[in-house]
Amino acid sequence: MATIDLTAQEAPWAYPARPGGGPSYSIAKLVDFSEVNEKAGTGAADIIKLVKIPANTIVQAVAYRVFKASANLASLDIGDSAGPTQYATALDMTSIKDGVSALAGKFYTQADFIQLRQNTAATVLTGVIEVVALCWDANAYKGLAA
């Protein structure tokens, strides 16, 4: 099992700029398995860290879209460090598809990652998936309670 961090080049745990300044935003990551791990691909139980979730964030849902199918990636999970299947379990990438988690929102009091975990034993060198986290900056609501 290896952990591949696709967030290493990103700004450290900052909220993204939001047009209009509202509390909602989305964070997306496109994963091309032919480019992952210095083109060596991924193996069973490998974890790919996709996006950073800052502390005091509500993740309302996580959506995904498979742009390019992978014949040998039959199962992956989308989750976080506390629950590797928090947002999707046994997602099949063998065909083009999209979907969204049924989660009604998770509040992150500490910074975390949205991640993929591969369940397939084969080395995966093909396939493209985009994962989008729909988020709310909970700091916008501090001090509003009576």
N, C-alpha and C. Protein backbone atom coordinates (compact mmCIF):
# COMPACT_ATOMS: atom_id res chain seq x y z
N MET A 1 0.84 -1.19 0.00
CA MET A 1 0.00 0.00 0.00
C MET A 1 0.88 1.24 0.00
N ALA A 2 0.58 2.15 -0.88
CA ALA A 2 1.30 3.42 -0.96
C ALA A 2 0.31 4.56 -0.86
N THR A 3 0.79 5.71 -0.40
CA THR A 3 -0.01 6.93 -0.39
C THR A 3 0.60 7.89 -1.39
N ILE A 4 -0.19 8.33 -2.33
CA ILE A 4 0.25 9.25 -3.37
C ILE A 4 -0.46 10.57 -3.12
N ASP A 5 0.31 11.62 -2.89
CA ASP A 5 -0.25 12.93 -2.52
C ASP A 5 -0.27 13.86 -3.72
N LEU A 6 -1.44 14.06 -4.31
CA LEU A 6 -1.58 14.97 -5.44
C LEU A 6 -1.78 16.41 -4.98
N THR A 7 -1.79 16.64 -3.66
CA THR A 7 -1.99 17.99 -3.14
C THR A 7 -0.68 18.66 -2.74
N ALA A 8 0.44 17.98 -2.88
CA ALA A 8 1.72 18.49 -2.38
C ALA A 8 2.09 19.84 -2.96
N GLN A 9 1.68 20.14 -4.18
CA GLN A 9 2.04 21.40 -4.82
C GLN A 9 1.01 22.51 -4.58
N GLU A 10 -0.03 22.22 -3.82
CA GLU A 10 -1.08 23.20 -3.58
C GLU A 10 -0.75 24.11 -2.40
N ALA A 11 -1.45 25.22 -2.32
CA ALA A 11 -1.30 26.15 -1.19
C ALA A 11 -1.67 25.43 0.10
N PRO A 12 -1.03 25.78 1.20
CA PRO A 12 -1.27 25.06 2.46
C PRO A 12 -2.59 25.41 3.12
N TRP A 13 -3.53 24.49 3.06
CA TRP A 13 -4.78 24.53 3.83
C TRP A 13 -5.51 25.87 3.78
N ALA A 14 -5.57 26.48 2.65
CA ALA A 14 -6.26 27.77 2.52
C ALA A 14 -7.59 27.57 1.81
N TYR A 15 -8.56 28.43 2.13
CA TYR A 15 -9.81 28.41 1.39
C TYR A 15 -9.55 29.03 0.02
N PRO A 16 -10.14 28.47 -1.03
CA PRO A 16 -9.94 29.05 -2.36
C PRO A 16 -10.66 30.39 -2.48
N ALA A 17 -10.19 31.22 -3.40
CA ALA A 17 -10.87 32.49 -3.67
C ALA A 17 -12.27 32.18 -4.19
N ARG A 18 -13.25 32.94 -3.71
CA ARG A 18 -14.63 32.69 -4.12
C ARG A 18 -15.22 33.97 -4.71
N PRO A 19 -15.61 33.93 -5.98
CA PRO A 19 -16.26 35.11 -6.57
C PRO A 19 -17.50 35.47 -5.77
N GLY A 20 -17.66 36.72 -5.45
CA GLY A 20 -18.82 37.16 -4.68
C GLY A 20 -18.65 37.00 -3.18
N GLY A 21 -17.63 36.28 -2.75
CA GLY A 21 -17.32 36.16 -1.33
C GLY A 21 -18.25 35.29 -0.52
N GLY A 22 -19.16 34.52 -1.13
CA GLY A 22 -20.07 33.67 -0.39
C GLY A 22 -19.36 32.50 0.26
N PRO A 23 -20.05 31.79 1.15
CA PRO A 23 -19.39 30.70 1.88
C PRO A 23 -19.27 29.39 1.11
N SER A 24 -19.96 29.24 -0.01
CA SER A 24 -19.90 27.95 -0.72
C SER A 24 -18.86 28.00 -1.83
N TYR A 25 -18.27 26.83 -2.08
CA TYR A 25 -17.27 26.70 -3.14
C TYR A 25 -17.11 25.22 -3.46
N SER A 26 -16.40 24.94 -4.53
CA SER A 26 -16.10 23.56 -4.88
C SER A 26 -14.60 23.42 -5.13
N ILE A 27 -14.11 22.22 -4.87
CA ILE A 27 -12.70 21.90 -5.13
C ILE A 27 -12.70 20.65 -6.01
N ALA A 28 -12.00 20.71 -7.13
CA ALA A 28 -12.00 19.59 -8.06
C ALA A 28 -10.57 19.09 -8.30
N LYS A 29 -10.47 17.80 -8.59
CA LYS A 29 -9.19 17.20 -8.96
C LYS A 29 -9.45 16.18 -10.06
N LEU A 30 -8.69 16.29 -11.14
CA LEU A 30 -8.75 15.34 -12.24
C LEU A 30 -7.58 14.38 -12.06
N VAL A 31 -7.88 13.08 -12.05
CA VAL A 31 -6.84 12.06 -11.87
C VAL A 31 -6.74 11.25 -13.16
N ASP A 32 -5.58 11.31 -13.79
CA ASP A 32 -5.28 10.50 -14.97
C ASP A 32 -4.33 9.39 -14.49
N PHE A 33 -4.83 8.17 -14.41
CA PHE A 33 -4.04 7.07 -13.85
C PHE A 33 -2.78 6.76 -14.68
N SER A 34 -2.74 7.21 -15.95
CA SER A 34 -1.54 6.99 -16.75
C SER A 34 -0.40 7.91 -16.31
N GLU A 35 -0.73 8.96 -15.52
CA GLU A 35 0.27 9.91 -15.04
C GLU A 35 0.59 9.76 -13.55
N VAL A 36 -0.19 8.97 -12.83
CA VAL A 36 -0.05 8.85 -11.38
C VAL A 36 1.21 8.07 -11.01
N ASN A 37 1.81 8.49 -9.90
CA ASN A 37 2.96 7.76 -9.33
C ASN A 37 4.11 7.66 -10.34
N GLU A 38 4.42 8.81 -10.95
CA GLU A 38 5.50 8.88 -11.95
C GLU A 38 5.30 7.86 -13.06
N LYS A 39 4.05 7.72 -13.49
CA LYS A 39 3.62 6.83 -14.57
C LYS A 39 3.77 5.34 -14.23
N ALA A 40 3.95 5.03 -12.93
CA ALA A 40 4.05 3.63 -12.50
C ALA A 40 2.68 3.06 -12.15
N GLY A 41 1.65 3.91 -12.11
CA GLY A 41 0.30 3.45 -11.80
C GLY A 41 0.07 3.22 -10.32
N THR A 42 -1.04 2.61 -10.02
CA THR A 42 -1.42 2.34 -8.64
C THR A 42 -1.66 0.85 -8.45
N GLY A 43 -1.57 0.41 -7.19
CA GLY A 43 -1.80 -0.99 -6.85
C GLY A 43 -2.83 -1.14 -5.77
N ALA A 44 -3.07 -2.37 -5.35
CA ALA A 44 -4.09 -2.67 -4.34
C ALA A 44 -3.87 -1.87 -3.07
N ALA A 45 -4.94 -1.29 -2.55
CA ALA A 45 -4.99 -0.53 -1.31
C ALA A 45 -4.22 0.78 -1.36
N ASP A 46 -3.72 1.20 -2.53
CA ASP A 46 -3.08 2.51 -2.65
C ASP A 46 -4.10 3.60 -2.39
N ILE A 47 -3.63 4.68 -1.78
CA ILE A 47 -4.47 5.83 -1.48
C ILE A 47 -3.92 7.02 -2.26
N ILE A 48 -4.81 7.75 -2.92
CA ILE A 48 -4.44 8.97 -3.63
C ILE A 48 -5.12 10.13 -2.93
N LYS A 49 -4.33 11.02 -2.30
CA LYS A 49 -4.88 12.22 -1.68
C LYS A 49 -5.19 13.21 -2.80
N LEU A 50 -6.47 13.63 -2.88
CA LEU A 50 -6.93 14.45 -4.00
C LEU A 50 -6.98 15.94 -3.69
N VAL A 51 -7.73 16.30 -2.65
CA VAL A 51 -7.91 17.71 -2.32
C VAL A 51 -7.82 17.91 -0.82
N LYS A 52 -7.32 19.09 -0.45
CA LYS A 52 -7.23 19.46 0.95
C LYS A 52 -8.56 20.08 1.38
N ILE A 53 -9.04 19.66 2.54
CA ILE A 53 -10.23 20.25 3.14
C ILE A 53 -9.78 21.01 4.38
N PRO A 54 -9.88 22.35 4.38
CA PRO A 54 -9.44 23.12 5.54
C PRO A 54 -10.33 22.85 6.77
N ALA A 55 -9.79 23.11 7.94
CA ALA A 55 -10.58 23.01 9.18
C ALA A 55 -11.77 23.95 9.09
N ASN A 56 -12.84 23.61 9.80
CA ASN A 56 -14.08 24.40 9.83
C ASN A 56 -14.75 24.46 8.46
N THR A 57 -14.78 23.31 7.80
CA THR A 57 -15.41 23.20 6.49
C THR A 57 -16.52 22.15 6.55
N ILE A 58 -17.61 22.43 5.90
CA ILE A 58 -18.67 21.46 5.72
C ILE A 58 -18.57 20.95 4.27
N VAL A 59 -18.39 19.66 4.12
CA VAL A 59 -18.44 19.05 2.78
C VAL A 59 -19.86 18.54 2.61
N GLN A 60 -20.61 19.21 1.75
CA GLN A 60 -22.01 18.87 1.54
C GLN A 60 -22.17 17.57 0.77
N ALA A 61 -21.31 17.37 -0.23
CA ALA A 61 -21.37 16.16 -1.05
C ALA A 61 -20.08 16.07 -1.86
N VAL A 62 -19.84 14.90 -2.41
CA VAL A 62 -18.72 14.69 -3.32
C VAL A 62 -19.27 14.07 -4.59
N ALA A 63 -18.97 14.70 -5.72
CA ALA A 63 -19.40 14.21 -7.02
C ALA A 63 -18.21 13.65 -7.76
N TYR A 64 -18.48 12.76 -8.71
CA TYR A 64 -17.40 12.21 -9.52
C TYR A 64 -17.89 12.00 -10.95
N ARG A 65 -16.93 12.01 -11.87
CA ARG A 65 -17.22 11.70 -13.26
C ARG A 65 -16.06 10.89 -13.83
N VAL A 66 -16.36 9.73 -14.37
CA VAL A 66 -15.36 8.91 -15.05
C VAL A 66 -15.34 9.37 -16.50
N PHE A 67 -14.23 10.00 -16.92
CA PHE A 67 -14.09 10.48 -18.30
C PHE A 67 -13.53 9.41 -19.23
N LYS A 68 -12.64 8.59 -18.69
CA LYS A 68 -12.03 7.52 -19.49
C LYS A 68 -12.06 6.26 -18.64
N ALA A 69 -12.70 5.23 -19.16
CA ALA A 69 -12.83 3.97 -18.43
C ALA A 69 -11.49 3.26 -18.31
N SER A 70 -11.41 2.38 -17.32
CA SER A 70 -10.23 1.56 -17.11
C SER A 70 -10.68 0.11 -16.99
N ALA A 71 -10.24 -0.72 -17.91
CA ALA A 71 -10.68 -2.11 -17.93
C ALA A 71 -10.25 -2.87 -16.68
N ASN A 72 -9.17 -2.44 -16.02
CA ASN A 72 -8.70 -3.20 -14.85
C ASN A 72 -8.89 -2.46 -13.53
N LEU A 73 -9.71 -1.42 -13.49
CA LEU A 73 -10.01 -0.74 -12.23
C LEU A 73 -11.49 -0.95 -11.90
N ALA A 74 -11.78 -2.09 -11.31
CA ALA A 74 -13.16 -2.50 -11.05
C ALA A 74 -13.71 -1.93 -9.76
N SER A 75 -12.84 -1.43 -8.86
CA SER A 75 -13.36 -0.98 -7.57
C SER A 75 -12.44 0.03 -6.90
N LEU A 76 -13.01 1.19 -6.55
CA LEU A 76 -12.30 2.18 -5.74
C LEU A 76 -13.29 2.86 -4.82
N ASP A 77 -12.77 3.40 -3.73
CA ASP A 77 -13.59 4.12 -2.75
C ASP A 77 -13.19 5.58 -2.75
N ILE A 78 -14.14 6.45 -2.38
CA ILE A 78 -13.85 7.87 -2.17
C ILE A 78 -14.21 8.18 -0.72
N GLY A 79 -13.26 8.75 0.01
CA GLY A 79 -13.51 9.04 1.42
C GLY A 79 -12.53 10.05 1.97
N ASP A 80 -12.28 9.94 3.27
CA ASP A 80 -11.31 10.80 3.95
C ASP A 80 -10.51 9.95 4.93
N SER A 81 -9.68 10.59 5.76
CA SER A 81 -8.82 9.81 6.65
C SER A 81 -9.61 9.04 7.71
N ALA A 82 -10.76 9.55 8.10
CA ALA A 82 -11.57 8.88 9.12
C ALA A 82 -12.45 7.78 8.54
N GLY A 83 -12.85 7.95 7.30
CA GLY A 83 -13.75 6.99 6.66
C GLY A 83 -13.43 6.85 5.19
N PRO A 84 -12.62 5.86 4.82
CA PRO A 84 -12.21 5.73 3.42
C PRO A 84 -13.36 5.48 2.44
N THR A 85 -14.54 5.12 2.95
CA THR A 85 -15.71 4.94 2.09
C THR A 85 -16.79 5.98 2.40
N GLN A 86 -16.40 7.10 2.96
CA GLN A 86 -17.34 8.14 3.39
C GLN A 86 -18.25 8.61 2.26
N TYR A 87 -17.72 8.73 1.06
CA TYR A 87 -18.48 9.33 -0.04
C TYR A 87 -18.87 8.35 -1.16
N ALA A 88 -18.11 7.30 -1.37
CA ALA A 88 -18.45 6.30 -2.39
C ALA A 88 -17.75 4.99 -2.05
N THR A 89 -18.45 3.89 -2.25
CA THR A 89 -17.91 2.56 -1.96
C THR A 89 -17.95 1.72 -3.22
N ALA A 90 -16.83 1.07 -3.51
CA ALA A 90 -16.73 0.12 -4.62
C ALA A 90 -17.18 0.73 -5.95
N LEU A 91 -16.75 1.96 -6.20
CA LEU A 91 -17.04 2.63 -7.47
C LEU A 91 -16.34 1.88 -8.60
N ASP A 92 -17.08 1.58 -9.62
CA ASP A 92 -16.59 0.83 -10.77
C ASP A 92 -16.19 1.82 -11.87
N MET A 93 -14.91 1.79 -12.28
CA MET A 93 -14.43 2.68 -13.34
C MET A 93 -14.32 1.98 -14.70
N THR A 94 -15.01 0.86 -14.88
CA THR A 94 -14.89 0.12 -16.14
C THR A 94 -15.77 0.71 -17.24
N SER A 95 -16.53 1.76 -16.93
CA SER A 95 -17.34 2.42 -17.96
C SER A 95 -17.46 3.91 -17.62
N ILE A 96 -17.81 4.71 -18.61
CA ILE A 96 -18.02 6.15 -18.43
C ILE A 96 -19.28 6.34 -17.59
N LYS A 97 -19.19 7.15 -16.54
CA LYS A 97 -20.35 7.40 -15.67
C LYS A 97 -20.09 8.59 -14.79
N ASP A 98 -21.12 9.03 -14.08
CA ASP A 98 -20.96 10.06 -13.06
C ASP A 98 -21.91 9.78 -11.92
N GLY A 99 -21.68 10.44 -10.80
CA GLY A 99 -22.52 10.24 -9.63
C GLY A 99 -22.19 11.24 -8.55
N VAL A 100 -22.96 11.18 -7.47
CA VAL A 100 -22.74 12.07 -6.34
C VAL A 100 -23.06 11.30 -5.06
N SER A 101 -22.34 11.61 -4.01
CA SER A 101 -22.58 10.94 -2.73
C SER A 101 -23.94 11.33 -2.18
N ALA A 102 -24.51 10.47 -1.35
CA ALA A 102 -25.81 10.74 -0.73
C ALA A 102 -25.65 11.38 0.64
N LEU A 103 -24.43 11.69 1.02
CA LEU A 103 -24.16 12.23 2.34
C LEU A 103 -24.81 13.60 2.50
N ALA A 104 -25.41 13.85 3.64
CA ALA A 104 -26.11 15.11 3.89
C ALA A 104 -25.18 16.19 4.43
N GLY A 105 -23.89 15.98 4.46
CA GLY A 105 -22.93 16.97 4.92
C GLY A 105 -22.09 16.45 6.06
N LYS A 106 -20.79 16.71 6.00
CA LYS A 106 -19.88 16.34 7.08
C LYS A 106 -19.10 17.58 7.48
N PHE A 107 -19.06 17.87 8.78
CA PHE A 107 -18.33 19.02 9.30
C PHE A 107 -16.93 18.59 9.71
N TYR A 108 -15.93 19.23 9.14
CA TYR A 108 -14.53 18.95 9.45
C TYR A 108 -14.02 20.01 10.42
N THR A 109 -13.81 19.61 11.67
CA THR A 109 -13.26 20.54 12.66
C THR A 109 -11.74 20.67 12.49
N GLN A 110 -11.13 19.65 11.88
CA GLN A 110 -9.69 19.68 11.59
C GLN A 110 -9.49 19.46 10.10
N ALA A 111 -8.38 19.96 9.60
CA ALA A 111 -8.06 19.79 8.18
C ALA A 111 -7.95 18.31 7.83
N ASP A 112 -8.33 17.97 6.62
CA ASP A 112 -8.30 16.58 6.17
C ASP A 112 -8.15 16.57 4.65
N PHE A 113 -8.19 15.39 4.06
CA PHE A 113 -8.11 15.20 2.62
C PHE A 113 -9.32 14.42 2.13
N ILE A 114 -9.75 14.69 0.90
CA ILE A 114 -10.63 13.78 0.19
C ILE A 114 -9.68 12.88 -0.60
N GLN A 115 -9.92 11.58 -0.55
CA GLN A 115 -8.97 10.64 -1.14
C GLN A 115 -9.68 9.51 -1.88
N LEU A 116 -8.95 8.89 -2.80
CA LEU A 116 -9.37 7.66 -3.46
C LEU A 116 -8.60 6.51 -2.85
N ARG A 117 -9.24 5.36 -2.70
CA ARG A 117 -8.55 4.14 -2.27
C ARG A 117 -8.87 3.05 -3.29
N GLN A 118 -7.83 2.46 -3.85
CA GLN A 118 -8.01 1.42 -4.85
C GLN A 118 -8.24 0.08 -4.17
N ASN A 119 -9.28 -0.63 -4.60
CA ASN A 119 -9.59 -1.95 -4.06
C ASN A 119 -9.17 -3.08 -5.00
N THR A 120 -8.88 -2.74 -6.24
CA THR A 120 -8.51 -3.73 -7.25
C THR A 120 -7.05 -4.14 -7.06
N ALA A 121 -6.76 -5.42 -7.18
CA ALA A 121 -5.40 -5.91 -6.97
C ALA A 121 -4.45 -5.59 -8.13
N ALA A 122 -4.96 -5.33 -9.31
CA ALA A 122 -4.12 -5.10 -10.49
C ALA A 122 -3.41 -3.75 -10.42
N THR A 123 -2.31 -3.62 -11.13
CA THR A 123 -1.67 -2.32 -11.33
C THR A 123 -2.50 -1.56 -12.34
N VAL A 124 -2.90 -0.35 -11.98
CA VAL A 124 -3.79 0.44 -12.84
C VAL A 124 -2.99 1.54 -13.52
N LEU A 125 -2.99 1.52 -14.84
CA LEU A 125 -2.26 2.51 -15.63
C LEU A 125 -3.17 3.28 -16.58
N THR A 126 -4.48 3.03 -16.53
CA THR A 126 -5.41 3.72 -17.42
C THR A 126 -6.61 4.22 -16.64
N GLY A 127 -7.33 5.14 -17.25
CA GLY A 127 -8.55 5.67 -16.66
C GLY A 127 -8.37 7.11 -16.21
N VAL A 128 -9.44 7.89 -16.34
CA VAL A 128 -9.43 9.29 -15.90
C VAL A 128 -10.72 9.54 -15.13
N ILE A 129 -10.60 10.09 -13.93
CA ILE A 129 -11.76 10.42 -13.10
C ILE A 129 -11.57 11.82 -12.53
N GLU A 130 -12.67 12.56 -12.45
CA GLU A 130 -12.66 13.86 -11.77
C GLU A 130 -13.50 13.71 -10.50
N VAL A 131 -12.98 14.24 -9.41
CA VAL A 131 -13.70 14.24 -8.13
C VAL A 131 -13.87 15.69 -7.70
N VAL A 132 -15.11 16.06 -7.32
CA VAL A 132 -15.43 17.43 -6.93
C VAL A 132 -16.06 17.41 -5.55
N ALA A 133 -15.48 18.15 -4.61
CA ALA A 133 -16.05 18.31 -3.27
C ALA A 133 -16.83 19.62 -3.23
N LEU A 134 -18.10 19.55 -2.85
CA LEU A 134 -18.96 20.72 -2.71
C LEU A 134 -18.92 21.16 -1.25
N CYS A 135 -18.37 22.34 -0.99
CA CYS A 135 -18.01 22.75 0.37
C CYS A 135 -18.65 24.06 0.81
N TRP A 136 -18.67 24.24 2.14
CA TRP A 136 -19.09 25.47 2.78
C TRP A 136 -18.02 25.87 3.79
N ASP A 137 -17.65 27.13 3.79
CA ASP A 137 -16.72 27.68 4.78
C ASP A 137 -17.51 28.00 6.04
N ALA A 138 -17.37 27.16 7.07
CA ALA A 138 -18.14 27.36 8.30
C ALA A 138 -17.66 28.56 9.11
N ASN A 139 -16.47 29.09 8.81
CA ASN A 139 -15.99 30.29 9.48
C ASN A 139 -16.90 31.49 9.21
N ALA A 140 -17.61 31.45 8.10
CA ALA A 140 -18.52 32.54 7.74
C ALA A 140 -19.66 32.66 8.74
N TYR A 141 -19.92 31.62 9.53
CA TYR A 141 -21.05 31.62 10.46
C TYR A 141 -20.64 31.81 11.91
N LYS A 142 -19.36 31.97 12.18
CA LYS A 142 -18.91 32.17 13.57
C LYS A 142 -19.48 33.46 14.11
N GLY A 143 -19.93 33.42 15.32
CA GLY A 143 -20.45 34.61 15.97
C GLY A 143 -21.90 34.91 15.66
N LEU A 144 -22.55 34.09 14.86
CA LEU A 144 -23.95 34.34 14.51
C LEU A 144 -24.93 33.76 15.53
N ALA A 145 -24.46 32.82 16.35
CA ALA A 145 -25.34 32.19 17.34
C ALA A 145 -25.61 33.16 18.48
N ALA A 146 -26.82 33.14 18.99
CA ALA A 146 -27.19 34.06 20.09
C ALA A 146 -26.66 33.57 21.41
